[in-house]
Amino acid sequence: MSEIKSIKEKSNTYDSENSGGFFKTSENLRTFGENQNNYNNMLAEKIEELTKRICTLETEQQQNKELFKRLANELVSLKAEVDRLKLTSRLNTNTIDRLVKAIDISEEKSSENPEKK
């Protein structure tokens, strides 16, 4: 905010209080100086608004970065969990297939040798 005050102070190019002195300032020059000061003050206000907006956007950008980092970490965790579930499913499927094959083999052996029952 001190920057803005200094911008407003620096923007005043015409001092109507000290415009007297040795030479009289013409009315047109006085009007021009006052108009220039008004315009400069308007620009200083716009700069202040833009500075506030930039600060707000920088804050939002930082919050978004933090959010995306958290989401990226969660995504990595989720991918690891999905990979673990796929592996577990594949291992379970392979175990079931081996058990089914073992049952089929034992049924084949028992049907080939019915007298051993």
PDB file of N, CA and C in Angstrom:
ATOM      1  N   MET A   1       0.813  -1.184   0.000  1.00  0.00           N
ATOM      2  CA  MET A   1       0.000   0.000   0.000  1.00  0.00           C
ATOM      3  C   MET A   1       0.862   1.257   0.000  1.00  0.00           C
ATOM      4  N   SER A   2       2.047   1.190   0.604  1.00  0.00           N
ATOM      5  CA  SER A   2       2.914   2.357   0.599  1.00  0.00           C
ATOM      6  C   SER A   2       3.356   2.675  -0.822  1.00  0.00           C
ATOM      7  N   GLU A   3       3.456   1.620  -1.656  1.00  0.00           N
ATOM      8  CA  GLU A   3       3.781   1.848  -3.062  1.00  0.00           C
ATOM      9  C   GLU A   3       2.696   2.689  -3.726  1.00  0.00           C
ATOM     10  N   ILE A   4       1.451   2.369  -3.411  1.00  0.00           N
ATOM     11  CA  ILE A   4       0.322   3.062  -4.029  1.00  0.00           C
ATOM     12  C   ILE A   4       0.317   4.522  -3.592  1.00  0.00           C
ATOM     13  N   LYS A   5       0.544   4.776  -2.322  1.00  0.00           N
ATOM     14  CA  LYS A   5       0.570   6.161  -1.853  1.00  0.00           C
ATOM     15  C   LYS A   5       1.684   6.922  -2.554  1.00  0.00           C
ATOM     16  N   SER A   6       2.820   6.286  -2.692  1.00  0.00           N
ATOM     17  CA  SER A   6       3.913   6.984  -3.356  1.00  0.00           C
ATOM     18  C   SER A   6       3.590   7.197  -4.836  1.00  0.00           C
ATOM     19  N   ILE A   7       2.875   6.271  -5.443  1.00  0.00           N
ATOM     20  CA  ILE A   7       2.464   6.452  -6.841  1.00  0.00           C
ATOM     21  C   ILE A   7       1.513   7.635  -6.948  1.00  0.00           C
ATOM     22  N   LYS A   8       0.560   7.719  -6.015  1.00  0.00           N
ATOM     23  CA  LYS A   8      -0.384   8.839  -6.043  1.00  0.00           C
ATOM     24  C   LYS A   8       0.339  10.161  -5.809  1.00  0.00           C
ATOM     25  N   GLU A   9       1.288  10.154  -4.876  1.00  0.00           N
ATOM     26  CA  GLU A   9       2.040  11.383  -4.611  1.00  0.00           C
ATOM     27  C   GLU A   9       2.875  11.781  -5.817  1.00  0.00           C
ATOM     28  N   LYS A  10       3.478  10.797  -6.455  1.00  0.00           N
ATOM     29  CA  LYS A  10       4.314  11.084  -7.618  1.00  0.00           C
ATOM     30  C   LYS A  10       3.486  11.496  -8.830  1.00  0.00           C
ATOM     31  N   SER A  11       2.227  11.067  -8.859  1.00  0.00           N
ATOM     32  CA  SER A  11       1.408  11.330 -10.038  1.00  0.00           C
ATOM     33  C   SER A  11       0.940  12.784 -10.123  1.00  0.00           C
ATOM     34  N   ASN A  12       0.961  13.505  -9.028  1.00  0.00           N
ATOM     35  CA  ASN A  12       0.551  14.918  -9.055  1.00  0.00           C
ATOM     36  C   ASN A  12       1.655  15.733  -9.723  1.00  0.00           C
ATOM     37  N   THR A  13       1.341  16.220 -10.899  1.00  0.00           N
ATOM     38  CA  THR A  13       2.339  16.996 -11.651  1.00  0.00           C
ATOM     39  C   THR A  13       2.130  18.497 -11.530  1.00  0.00           C
ATOM     40  N   TYR A  14       1.004  18.882 -11.010  1.00  0.00           N
ATOM     41  CA  TYR A  14       0.676  20.314 -10.933  1.00  0.00           C
ATOM     42  C   TYR A  14       0.265  20.641  -9.509  1.00  0.00           C
ATOM     43  N   ASP A  15       0.877  21.641  -8.925  1.00  0.00           N
ATOM     44  CA  ASP A  15       0.574  22.068  -7.562  1.00  0.00           C
ATOM     45  C   ASP A  15      -0.143  23.408  -7.640  1.00  0.00           C
ATOM     46  N   SER A  16      -1.462  23.362  -7.465  1.00  0.00           N
ATOM     47  CA  SER A  16      -2.249  24.589  -7.618  1.00  0.00           C
ATOM     48  C   SER A  16      -1.995  25.574  -6.486  1.00  0.00           C
ATOM     49  N   GLU A  17      -1.603  25.102  -5.327  1.00  0.00           N
ATOM     50  CA  GLU A  17      -1.360  25.987  -4.196  1.00  0.00           C
ATOM     51  C   GLU A  17      -0.093  26.814  -4.405  1.00  0.00           C
ATOM     52  N   ASN A  18       0.892  26.238  -5.024  1.00  0.00           N
ATOM     53  CA  ASN A  18       2.161  26.939  -5.215  1.00  0.00           C
ATOM     54  C   ASN A  18       2.351  27.360  -6.666  1.00  0.00           C
ATOM     55  N   SER A  19       1.265  27.552  -7.364  1.00  0.00           N
ATOM     56  CA  SER A  19       1.371  27.926  -8.772  1.00  0.00           C
ATOM     57  C   SER A  19       1.571  29.422  -8.957  1.00  0.00           C
ATOM     58  N   GLY A  20       1.443  30.173  -7.890  1.00  0.00           N
ATOM     59  CA  GLY A  20       1.606  31.620  -7.976  1.00  0.00           C
ATOM     60  C   GLY A  20       3.066  31.975  -8.221  1.00  0.00           C
ATOM     61  N   GLY A  21       3.622  32.682  -7.362  1.00  0.00           N
ATOM     62  CA  GLY A  21       5.025  33.008  -7.491  1.00  0.00           C
ATOM     63  C   GLY A  21       5.238  34.259  -8.309  1.00  0.00           C
ATOM     64  N   PHE A  22       6.340  34.337  -8.942  1.00  0.00           N
ATOM     65  CA  PHE A  22       6.732  35.534  -9.669  1.00  0.00           C
ATOM     66  C   PHE A  22       5.865  35.749 -10.910  1.00  0.00           C
ATOM     67  N   PHE A  23       5.597  34.634 -11.618  1.00  0.00           N
ATOM     68  CA  PHE A  23       4.771  34.736 -12.824  1.00  0.00           C
ATOM     69  C   PHE A  23       3.382  34.211 -12.541  1.00  0.00           C
ATOM     70  N   LYS A  24       2.419  34.821 -13.140  1.00  0.00           N
ATOM     71  CA  LYS A  24       1.045  34.360 -13.015  1.00  0.00           C
ATOM     72  C   LYS A  24       0.839  33.215 -14.005  1.00  0.00           C
ATOM     73  N   THR A  25       0.225  32.146 -13.510  1.00  0.00           N
ATOM     74  CA  THR A  25      -0.075  31.010 -14.372  1.00  0.00           C
ATOM     75  C   THR A  25      -1.376  31.304 -15.091  1.00  0.00           C
ATOM     76  N   SER A  26      -1.382  31.045 -16.368  1.00  0.00           N
ATOM     77  CA  SER A  26      -2.613  31.300 -17.119  1.00  0.00           C
ATOM     78  C   SER A  26      -3.688  30.305 -16.710  1.00  0.00           C
ATOM     79  N   GLU A  27      -4.922  30.678 -16.941  1.00  0.00           N
ATOM     80  CA  GLU A  27      -6.062  29.821 -16.582  1.00  0.00           C
ATOM     81  C   GLU A  27      -6.018  28.504 -17.346  1.00  0.00           C
ATOM     82  N   ASN A  28      -5.611  28.556 -18.598  1.00  0.00           N
ATOM     83  CA  ASN A  28      -5.537  27.325 -19.399  1.00  0.00           C
ATOM     84  C   ASN A  28      -4.509  26.347 -18.838  1.00  0.00           C
ATOM     85  N   LEU A  29      -3.366  26.865 -18.411  1.00  0.00           N
ATOM     86  CA  LEU A  29      -2.330  26.001 -17.842  1.00  0.00           C
ATOM     87  C   LEU A  29      -2.791  25.414 -16.515  1.00  0.00           C
ATOM     88  N   ARG A  30      -3.483  26.233 -15.708  1.00  0.00           N
ATOM     89  CA  ARG A  30      -4.000  25.739 -14.433  1.00  0.00           C
ATOM     90  C   ARG A  30      -5.014  24.629 -14.672  1.00  0.00           C
ATOM     91  N   THR A  31      -5.911  24.832 -15.619  1.00  0.00           N
ATOM     92  CA  THR A  31      -6.921  23.821 -15.955  1.00  0.00           C
ATOM     93  C   THR A  31      -6.252  22.549 -16.458  1.00  0.00           C
ATOM     94  N   PHE A  32      -5.255  22.732 -17.327  1.00  0.00           N
ATOM     95  CA  PHE A  32      -4.525  21.575 -17.842  1.00  0.00           C
ATOM     96  C   PHE A  32      -3.855  20.809 -16.708  1.00  0.00           C
ATOM     97  N   GLY A  33      -3.198  21.499 -15.779  1.00  0.00           N
ATOM     98  CA  GLY A  33      -2.514  20.857 -14.648  1.00  0.00           C
ATOM     99  C   GLY A  33      -3.481  20.104 -13.760  1.00  0.00           C
ATOM    100  N   GLU A  34      -4.627  20.702 -13.479  1.00  0.00           N
ATOM    101  CA  GLU A  34      -5.626  20.028 -12.647  1.00  0.00           C
ATOM    102  C   GLU A  34      -6.176  18.796 -13.350  1.00  0.00           C
ATOM    103  N   ASN A  35      -6.450  18.935 -14.651  1.00  0.00           N
ATOM    104  CA  ASN A  35      -6.929  17.774 -15.415  1.00  0.00           C
ATOM    105  C   ASN A  35      -5.888  16.666 -15.435  1.00  0.00           C
ATOM    106  N   GLN A  36      -4.619  17.063 -15.576  1.00  0.00           N
ATOM    107  CA  GLN A  36      -3.540  16.069 -15.582  1.00  0.00           C
ATOM    108  C   GLN A  36      -3.463  15.369 -14.232  1.00  0.00           C
ATOM    109  N   ASN A  37      -3.603  16.119 -13.151  1.00  0.00           N
ATOM    110  CA  ASN A  37      -3.601  15.516 -11.811  1.00  0.00           C
ATOM    111  C   ASN A  37      -4.766  14.546 -11.641  1.00  0.00           C
ATOM    112  N   ASN A  38      -5.959  14.942 -12.115  1.00  0.00           N
ATOM    113  CA  ASN A  38      -7.127  14.053 -12.025  1.00  0.00           C
ATOM    114  C   ASN A  38      -6.888  12.768 -12.798  1.00  0.00           C
ATOM    115  N   TYR A  39      -6.338  12.912 -13.993  1.00  0.00           N
ATOM    116  CA  TYR A  39      -6.052  11.729 -14.821  1.00  0.00           C
ATOM    117  C   TYR A  39      -5.003  10.844 -14.138  1.00  0.00           C
ATOM    118  N   ASN A  40      -3.969  11.469 -13.609  1.00  0.00           N
ATOM    119  CA  ASN A  40      -2.925  10.699 -12.928  1.00  0.00           C
ATOM    120  C   ASN A  40      -3.468   9.990 -11.687  1.00  0.00           C
ATOM    121  N   ASN A  41      -4.360  10.646 -10.949  1.00  0.00           N
ATOM    122  CA  ASN A  41      -4.978  10.002  -9.788  1.00  0.00           C
ATOM    123  C   ASN A  41      -5.833   8.815 -10.208  1.00  0.00           C
ATOM    124  N   MET A  42      -6.566   8.973 -11.321  1.00  0.00           N
ATOM    125  CA  MET A  42      -7.375   7.862 -11.824  1.00  0.00           C
ATOM    126  C   MET A  42      -6.470   6.680 -12.197  1.00  0.00           C
ATOM    127  N   LEU A  43      -5.351   6.992 -12.866  1.00  0.00           N
ATOM    128  CA  LEU A  43      -4.416   5.923 -13.222  1.00  0.00           C
ATOM    129  C   LEU A  43      -3.824   5.258 -11.987  1.00  0.00           C
ATOM    130  N   ALA A  44      -3.521   6.046 -10.959  1.00  0.00           N
ATOM    131  CA  ALA A  44      -2.976   5.489  -9.717  1.00  0.00           C
ATOM    132  C   ALA A  44      -3.993   4.553  -9.065  1.00  0.00           C
ATOM    133  N   GLU A  45      -5.281   4.917  -9.105  1.00  0.00           N
ATOM    134  CA  GLU A  45      -6.328   4.050  -8.563  1.00  0.00           C
ATOM    135  C   GLU A  45      -6.431   2.752  -9.359  1.00  0.00           C
ATOM    136  N   LYS A  46      -6.322   2.866 -10.681  1.00  0.00           N
ATOM    137  CA  LYS A  46      -6.369   1.663 -11.525  1.00  0.00           C
ATOM    138  C   LYS A  46      -5.177   0.765 -11.235  1.00  0.00           C
ATOM    139  N   ILE A  47      -4.017   1.369 -11.031  1.00  0.00           N
ATOM    140  CA  ILE A  47      -2.825   0.583 -10.690  1.00  0.00           C
ATOM    141  C   ILE A  47      -3.023  -0.117  -9.353  1.00  0.00           C
ATOM    142  N   GLU A  48      -3.648   0.591  -8.412  1.00  0.00           N
ATOM    143  CA  GLU A  48      -3.935  -0.007  -7.101  1.00  0.00           C
ATOM    144  C   GLU A  48      -4.880  -1.198  -7.254  1.00  0.00           C
ATOM    145  N   GLU A  49      -5.930  -1.047  -8.053  1.00  0.00           N
ATOM    146  CA  GLU A  49      -6.873  -2.146  -8.296  1.00  0.00           C
ATOM    147  C   GLU A  49      -6.172  -3.337  -8.943  1.00  0.00           C
ATOM    148  N   LEU A  50      -5.340  -3.046  -9.933  1.00  0.00           N
ATOM    149  CA  LEU A  50      -4.618  -4.123 -10.610  1.00  0.00           C
ATOM    150  C   LEU A  50      -3.635  -4.816  -9.674  1.00  0.00           C
ATOM    151  N   THR A  51      -2.999  -4.051  -8.811  1.00  0.00           N
ATOM    152  CA  THR A  51      -2.069  -4.647  -7.845  1.00  0.00           C
ATOM    153  C   THR A  51      -2.810  -5.575  -6.896  1.00  0.00           C
ATOM    154  N   LYS A  52      -3.967  -5.140  -6.418  1.00  0.00           N
ATOM    155  CA  LYS A  52      -4.778  -6.001  -5.547  1.00  0.00           C
ATOM    156  C   LYS A  52      -5.214  -7.255  -6.286  1.00  0.00           C
ATOM    157  N   ARG A  53      -5.618  -7.091  -7.537  1.00  0.00           N
ATOM    158  CA  ARG A  53      -6.060  -8.234  -8.343  1.00  0.00           C
ATOM    159  C   ARG A  53      -4.913  -9.213  -8.569  1.00  0.00           C
ATOM    160  N   ILE A  54      -3.730  -8.681  -8.826  1.00  0.00           N
ATOM    161  CA  ILE A  54      -2.562  -9.542  -9.026  1.00  0.00           C
ATOM    162  C   ILE A  54      -2.253 -10.310  -7.747  1.00  0.00           C
ATOM    163  N   CYS A  55      -2.323  -9.639  -6.608  1.00  0.00           N
ATOM    164  CA  CYS A  55      -2.080 -10.313  -5.325  1.00  0.00           C
ATOM    165  C   CYS A  55      -3.093 -11.433  -5.102  1.00  0.00           C
ATOM    166  N   THR A  56      -4.353 -11.147  -5.423  1.00  0.00           N
ATOM    167  CA  THR A  56      -5.402 -12.163  -5.283  1.00  0.00           C
ATOM    168  C   THR A  56      -5.136 -13.337  -6.207  1.00  0.00           C
ATOM    169  N   LEU A  57      -4.761 -13.056  -7.443  1.00  0.00           N
ATOM    170  CA  LEU A  57      -4.483 -14.126  -8.400  1.00  0.00           C
ATOM    171  C   LEU A  57      -3.269 -14.948  -7.985  1.00  0.00           C
ATOM    172  N   GLU A  58      -2.256 -14.294  -7.438  1.00  0.00           N
ATOM    173  CA  GLU A  58      -1.080 -15.022  -6.964  1.00  0.00           C
ATOM    174  C   GLU A  58      -1.447 -15.949  -5.817  1.00  0.00           C
ATOM    175  N   THR A  59      -2.309 -15.472  -4.924  1.00  0.00           N
ATOM    176  CA  THR A  59      -2.766 -16.304  -3.811  1.00  0.00           C
ATOM    177  C   THR A  59      -3.555 -17.503  -4.336  1.00  0.00           C
ATOM    178  N   GLU A  60      -4.449 -17.259  -5.279  1.00  0.00           N
ATOM    179  CA  GLU A  60      -5.235 -18.348  -5.865  1.00  0.00           C
ATOM    180  C   GLU A  60      -4.326 -19.341  -6.579  1.00  0.00           C
ATOM    181  N   GLN A  61      -3.327 -18.826  -7.283  1.00  0.00           N
ATOM    182  CA  GLN A  61      -2.400 -19.706  -7.988  1.00  0.00           C
ATOM    183  C   GLN A  61      -1.651 -20.589  -6.995  1.00  0.00           C
ATOM    184  N   GLN A  62      -1.217 -20.033  -5.891  1.00  0.00           N
ATOM    185  CA  GLN A  62      -0.512 -20.824  -4.882  1.00  0.00           C
ATOM    186  C   GLN A  62      -1.435 -21.889  -4.301  1.00  0.00           C
ATOM    187  N   GLN A  63      -2.683 -21.521  -4.033  1.00  0.00           N
ATOM    188  CA  GLN A  63      -3.648 -22.491  -3.508  1.00  0.00           C
ATOM    189  C   GLN A  63      -3.892 -23.599  -4.521  1.00  0.00           C
ATOM    190  N   ASN A  64      -3.988 -23.235  -5.806  1.00  0.00           N
ATOM    191  CA  ASN A  64      -4.191 -24.244  -6.847  1.00  0.00           C
ATOM    192  C   ASN A  64      -2.994 -25.174  -6.956  1.00  0.00           C
ATOM    193  N   LYS A  65      -1.786 -24.629  -6.826  1.00  0.00           N
ATOM    194  CA  LYS A  65      -0.586 -25.473  -6.865  1.00  0.00           C
ATOM    195  C   LYS A  65      -0.618 -26.498  -5.742  1.00  0.00           C
ATOM    196  N   GLU A  66      -0.952 -26.025  -4.539  1.00  0.00           N
ATOM    197  CA  GLU A  66      -1.019 -26.930  -3.391  1.00  0.00           C
ATOM    198  C   GLU A  66      -2.106 -27.989  -3.603  1.00  0.00           C
ATOM    199  N   LEU A  67      -3.231 -27.580  -4.145  1.00  0.00           N
ATOM    200  CA  LEU A  67      -4.324 -28.517  -4.412  1.00  0.00           C
ATOM    201  C   LEU A  67      -3.897 -29.567  -5.436  1.00  0.00           C
ATOM    202  N   PHE A  68      -3.245 -29.126  -6.512  1.00  0.00           N
ATOM    203  CA  PHE A  68      -2.800 -30.064  -7.534  1.00  0.00           C
ATOM    204  C   PHE A  68      -1.737 -31.017  -6.998  1.00  0.00           C
ATOM    205  N   LYS A  69      -0.882 -30.531  -6.094  1.00  0.00           N
ATOM    206  CA  LYS A  69       0.109 -31.425  -5.484  1.00  0.00           C
ATOM    207  C   LYS A  69      -0.583 -32.509  -4.665  1.00  0.00           C
ATOM    208  N   ARG A  70      -1.574 -32.090  -3.871  1.00  0.00           N
ATOM    209  CA  ARG A  70      -2.316 -33.072  -3.078  1.00  0.00           C
ATOM    210  C   ARG A  70      -3.045 -34.066  -3.980  1.00  0.00           C
ATOM    211  N   LEU A  71      -3.671 -33.557  -5.043  1.00  0.00           N
ATOM    212  CA  LEU A  71      -4.374 -34.442  -5.962  1.00  0.00           C
ATOM    213  C   LEU A  71      -3.412 -35.409  -6.657  1.00  0.00           C
ATOM    214  N   ALA A  72      -2.233 -34.913  -7.026  1.00  0.00           N
ATOM    215  CA  ALA A  72      -1.238 -35.771  -7.667  1.00  0.00           C
ATOM    216  C   ALA A  72      -0.799 -36.874  -6.706  1.00  0.00           C
ATOM    217  N   ASN A  73      -0.592 -36.526  -5.439  1.00  0.00           N
ATOM    218  CA  ASN A  73      -0.214 -37.541  -4.441  1.00  0.00           C
ATOM    219  C   ASN A  73      -1.317 -38.571  -4.260  1.00  0.00           C
ATOM    220  N   GLU A  74      -2.553 -38.095  -4.216  1.00  0.00           N
ATOM    221  CA  GLU A  74      -3.681 -39.016  -4.077  1.00  0.00           C
ATOM    222  C   GLU A  74      -3.800 -39.912  -5.311  1.00  0.00           C
ATOM    223  N   LEU A  75      -3.538 -39.354  -6.477  1.00  0.00           N
ATOM    224  CA  LEU A  75      -3.600 -40.136  -7.712  1.00  0.00           C
ATOM    225  C   LEU A  75      -2.535 -41.226  -7.720  1.00  0.00           C
ATOM    226  N   VAL A  76      -1.343 -40.893  -7.247  1.00  0.00           N
ATOM    227  CA  VAL A  76      -0.267 -41.889  -7.168  1.00  0.00           C
ATOM    228  C   VAL A  76      -0.681 -42.998  -6.198  1.00  0.00           C
ATOM    229  N   SER A  77      -1.244 -42.619  -5.067  1.00  0.00           N
ATOM    230  CA  SER A  77      -1.702 -43.618  -4.088  1.00  0.00           C
ATOM    231  C   SER A  77      -2.810 -44.488  -4.669  1.00  0.00           C
ATOM    232  N   LEU A  78      -3.726 -43.849  -5.381  1.00  0.00           N
ATOM    233  CA  LEU A  78      -4.831 -44.591  -5.992  1.00  0.00           C
ATOM    234  C   LEU A  78      -4.314 -45.563  -7.044  1.00  0.00           C
ATOM    235  N   LYS A  79      -3.362 -45.138  -7.856  1.00  0.00           N
ATOM    236  CA  LYS A  79      -2.791 -46.013  -8.875  1.00  0.00           C
ATOM    237  C   LYS A  79      -2.101 -47.199  -8.222  1.00  0.00           C
ATOM    238  N   ALA A  80      -1.365 -46.955  -7.144  1.00  0.00           N
ATOM    239  CA  ALA A  80      -0.703 -48.044  -6.431  1.00  0.00           C
ATOM    240  C   ALA A  80      -1.727 -49.034  -5.881  1.00  0.00           C
ATOM    241  N   GLU A  81      -2.834 -48.513  -5.347  1.00  0.00           N
ATOM    242  CA  GLU A  81      -3.885 -49.382  -4.815  1.00  0.00           C
ATOM    243  C   GLU A  81      -4.540 -50.208  -5.929  1.00  0.00           C
ATOM    244  N   VAL A  82      -4.804 -49.565  -7.067  1.00  0.00           N
ATOM    245  CA  VAL A  82      -5.397 -50.283  -8.206  1.00  0.00           C
ATOM    246  C   VAL A  82      -4.439 -51.370  -8.698  1.00  0.00           C
ATOM    247  N   ASP A  83      -3.155 -51.046  -8.795  1.00  0.00           N
ATOM    248  CA  ASP A  83      -2.167 -52.040  -9.216  1.00  0.00           C
ATOM    249  C   ASP A  83      -2.110 -53.200  -8.233  1.00  0.00           C
ATOM    250  N   ARG A  84      -2.193 -52.891  -6.942  1.00  0.00           N
ATOM    251  CA  ARG A  84      -2.192 -53.949  -5.928  1.00  0.00           C
ATOM    252  C   ARG A  84      -3.421 -54.843  -6.076  1.00  0.00           C
ATOM    253  N   LEU A  85      -4.576 -54.220  -6.315  1.00  0.00           N
ATOM    254  CA  LEU A  85      -5.804 -55.006  -6.491  1.00  0.00           C
ATOM    255  C   LEU A  85      -5.742 -55.866  -7.751  1.00  0.00           C
ATOM    256  N   LYS A  86      -5.171 -55.322  -8.825  1.00  0.00           N
ATOM    257  CA  LYS A  86      -5.014 -56.112 -10.049  1.00  0.00           C
ATOM    258  C   LYS A  86      -4.132 -57.317  -9.798  1.00  0.00           C
ATOM    259  N   LEU A  87      -3.025 -57.101  -9.099  1.00  0.00           N
ATOM    260  CA  LEU A  87      -2.103 -58.193  -8.810  1.00  0.00           C
ATOM    261  C   LEU A  87      -2.776 -59.240  -7.933  1.00  0.00           C
ATOM    262  N   THR A  88      -3.497 -58.794  -6.913  1.00  0.00           N
ATOM    263  CA  THR A  88      -4.211 -59.725  -6.034  1.00  0.00           C
ATOM    264  C   THR A  88      -5.241 -60.513  -6.826  1.00  0.00           C
ATOM    265  N   SER A  89      -5.969 -59.827  -7.686  1.00  0.00           N
ATOM    266  CA  SER A  89      -6.972 -60.495  -8.511  1.00  0.00           C
ATOM    267  C   SER A  89      -6.326 -61.528  -9.426  1.00  0.00           C
ATOM    268  N   ARG A  90      -5.204 -61.142 -10.050  1.00  0.00           N
ATOM    269  CA  ARG A  90      -4.504 -62.065 -10.942  1.00  0.00           C
ATOM    270  C   ARG A  90      -3.988 -63.279 -10.175  1.00  0.00           C
ATOM    271  N   LEU A  91      -3.429 -63.027  -8.990  1.00  0.00           N
ATOM    272  CA  LEU A  91      -2.925 -64.140  -8.176  1.00  0.00           C
ATOM    273  C   LEU A  91      -4.069 -65.046  -7.745  1.00  0.00           C
ATOM    274  N   ASN A  92      -5.191 -64.454  -7.341  1.00  0.00           N
ATOM    275  CA  ASN A  92      -6.354 -65.256  -6.947  1.00  0.00           C
ATOM    276  C   ASN A  92      -6.879 -66.060  -8.124  1.00  0.00           C
ATOM    277  N   THR A  93      -6.932 -65.432  -9.302  1.00  0.00           N
ATOM    278  CA  THR A  93      -7.394 -66.139 -10.498  1.00  0.00           C
ATOM    279  C   THR A  93      -6.465 -67.299 -10.821  1.00  0.00           C
ATOM    280  N   ASN A  94      -5.167 -67.072 -10.738  1.00  0.00           N
ATOM    281  CA  ASN A  94      -4.208 -68.146 -10.997  1.00  0.00           C
ATOM    282  C   ASN A  94      -4.352 -69.261  -9.968  1.00  0.00           C
ATOM    283  N   THR A  95      -4.577 -68.904  -8.726  1.00  0.00           N
ATOM    284  CA  THR A  95      -4.765 -69.915  -7.677  1.00  0.00           C
ATOM    285  C   THR A  95      -6.038 -70.713  -7.940  1.00  0.00           C
ATOM    286  N   ILE A  96      -7.098 -70.048  -8.304  1.00  0.00           N
ATOM    287  CA  ILE A  96      -8.358 -70.737  -8.614  1.00  0.00           C
ATOM    288  C   ILE A  96      -8.161 -71.662  -9.806  1.00  0.00           C
ATOM    289  N   ASP A  97      -7.471 -71.174 -10.857  1.00  0.00           N
ATOM    290  CA  ASP A  97      -7.208 -72.019 -12.027  1.00  0.00           C
ATOM    291  C   ASP A  97      -6.414 -73.258 -11.640  1.00  0.00           C
ATOM    292  N   ARG A  98      -5.412 -73.108 -10.785  1.00  0.00           N
ATOM    293  CA  ARG A  98      -4.616 -74.271 -10.356  1.00  0.00           C
ATOM    294  C   ARG A  98      -5.472 -75.244  -9.560  1.00  0.00           C
ATOM    295  N   LEU A  99      -6.338 -74.714  -8.696  1.00  0.00           N
ATOM    296  CA  LEU A  99      -7.218 -75.586  -7.909  1.00  0.00           C
ATOM    297  C   LEU A  99      -8.199 -76.334  -8.814  1.00  0.00           C
ATOM    298  N   VAL A 100      -8.759 -75.644  -9.801  1.00  0.00           N
ATOM    299  CA  VAL A 100      -9.688 -76.289 -10.730  1.00  0.00           C
ATOM    300  C   VAL A 100      -8.966 -77.380 -11.513  1.00  0.00           C
ATOM    301  N   LYS A 101      -7.761 -77.084 -11.973  1.00  0.00           N
ATOM    302  CA  LYS A 101      -6.984 -78.080 -12.698  1.00  0.00           C
ATOM    303  C   LYS A 101      -6.657 -79.273 -11.807  1.00  0.00           C
ATOM    304  N   ALA A 102      -6.318 -78.980 -10.553  1.00  0.00           N
ATOM    305  CA  ALA A 102      -6.019 -80.070  -9.621  1.00  0.00           C
ATOM    306  C   ALA A 102      -7.247 -80.936  -9.392  1.00  0.00           C
ATOM    307  N   ILE A 103      -8.422 -80.310  -9.265  1.00  0.00           N
ATOM    308  CA  ILE A 103      -9.666 -81.070  -9.083  1.00  0.00           C
ATOM    309  C   ILE A 103      -9.947 -81.901 -10.331  1.00  0.00           C
ATOM    310  N   ASP A 104      -9.768 -81.305 -11.512  1.00  0.00           N
ATOM    311  CA  ASP A 104      -9.990 -82.034 -12.760  1.00  0.00           C
ATOM    312  C   ASP A 104      -9.047 -83.227 -12.873  1.00  0.00           C
ATOM    313  N   ILE A 105      -7.805 -83.017 -12.527  1.00  0.00           N
ATOM    314  CA  ILE A 105      -6.814 -84.108 -12.602  1.00  0.00           C
ATOM    315  C   ILE A 105      -7.181 -85.199 -11.619  1.00  0.00           C
ATOM    316  N   SER A 106      -7.584 -84.810 -10.413  1.00  0.00           N
ATOM    317  CA  SER A 106      -7.945 -85.832  -9.425  1.00  0.00           C
ATOM    318  C   SER A 106      -9.213 -86.567  -9.851  1.00  0.00           C
ATOM    319  N   GLU A 107     -10.148 -85.872 -10.490  1.00  0.00           N
ATOM    320  CA  GLU A 107     -11.359 -86.532 -10.969  1.00  0.00           C
ATOM    321  C   GLU A 107     -11.023 -87.494 -12.105  1.00  0.00           C
ATOM    322  N   GLU A 108     -10.103 -87.085 -12.973  1.00  0.00           N
ATOM    323  CA  GLU A 108      -9.681 -87.966 -14.064  1.00  0.00           C
ATOM    324  C   GLU A 108      -9.012 -89.217 -13.514  1.00  0.00           C
ATOM    325  N   LYS A 109      -8.150 -89.030 -12.519  1.00  0.00           N
ATOM    326  CA  LYS A 109      -7.461 -90.187 -11.920  1.00  0.00           C
ATOM    327  C   LYS A 109      -8.460 -91.088 -11.210  1.00  0.00           C
ATOM    328  N   SER A 110      -9.437 -90.490 -10.545  1.00  0.00           N
ATOM    329  CA  SER A 110     -10.408 -91.317  -9.832  1.00  0.00           C
ATOM    330  C   SER A 110     -11.339 -92.031 -10.815  1.00  0.00           C
ATOM    331  N   SER A 111     -11.615 -91.411 -11.961  1.00  0.00           N
ATOM    332  CA  SER A 111     -12.459 -92.094 -12.938  1.00  0.00           C
ATOM    333  C   SER A 111     -11.665 -93.173 -13.675  1.00  0.00           C
ATOM    334  N   GLU A 112     -10.372 -93.045 -13.798  1.00  0.00           N
ATOM    335  CA  GLU A 112      -9.541 -94.084 -14.419  1.00  0.00           C
ATOM    336  C   GLU A 112      -9.373 -95.259 -13.465  1.00  0.00           C
ATOM    337  N   ASN A 113      -9.309 -95.022 -12.193  1.00  0.00           N
ATOM    338  CA  ASN A 113      -9.129 -96.067 -11.199  1.00  0.00           C
ATOM    339  C   ASN A 113     -10.326 -96.104 -10.252  1.00  0.00           C
ATOM    340  N   PRO A 114     -11.464 -96.622 -10.704  1.00  0.00           N
ATOM    341  CA  PRO A 114     -12.648 -96.624  -9.845  1.00  0.00           C
ATOM    342  C   PRO A 114     -12.534 -97.645  -8.721  1.00  0.00           C
ATOM    343  N   GLU A 115     -11.696 -98.689  -8.833  1.00  0.00           N
ATOM    344  CA  GLU A 115     -11.634 -99.711  -7.797  1.00  0.00           C
ATOM    345  C   GLU A 115     -10.859 -99.271  -6.567  1.00  0.00           C
ATOM    346  N   LYS A 116     -10.061 -98.203  -6.649  1.00  0.00           N
ATOM    347  CA  LYS A 116      -9.292 -97.738  -5.507  1.00  0.00           C
ATOM    348  C   LYS A 116     -10.149 -96.960  -4.524  1.00  0.00           C
ATOM    349  N   LYS A 117     -11.319 -96.629  -4.880  1.00  0.00           N
ATOM    350  CA  LYS A 117     -12.219 -95.890  -3.985  1.00  0.00           C
ATOM    351  C   LYS A 117     -12.631 -96.799  -2.928  1.00  0.00           C
TER     352      LYS A 117
END
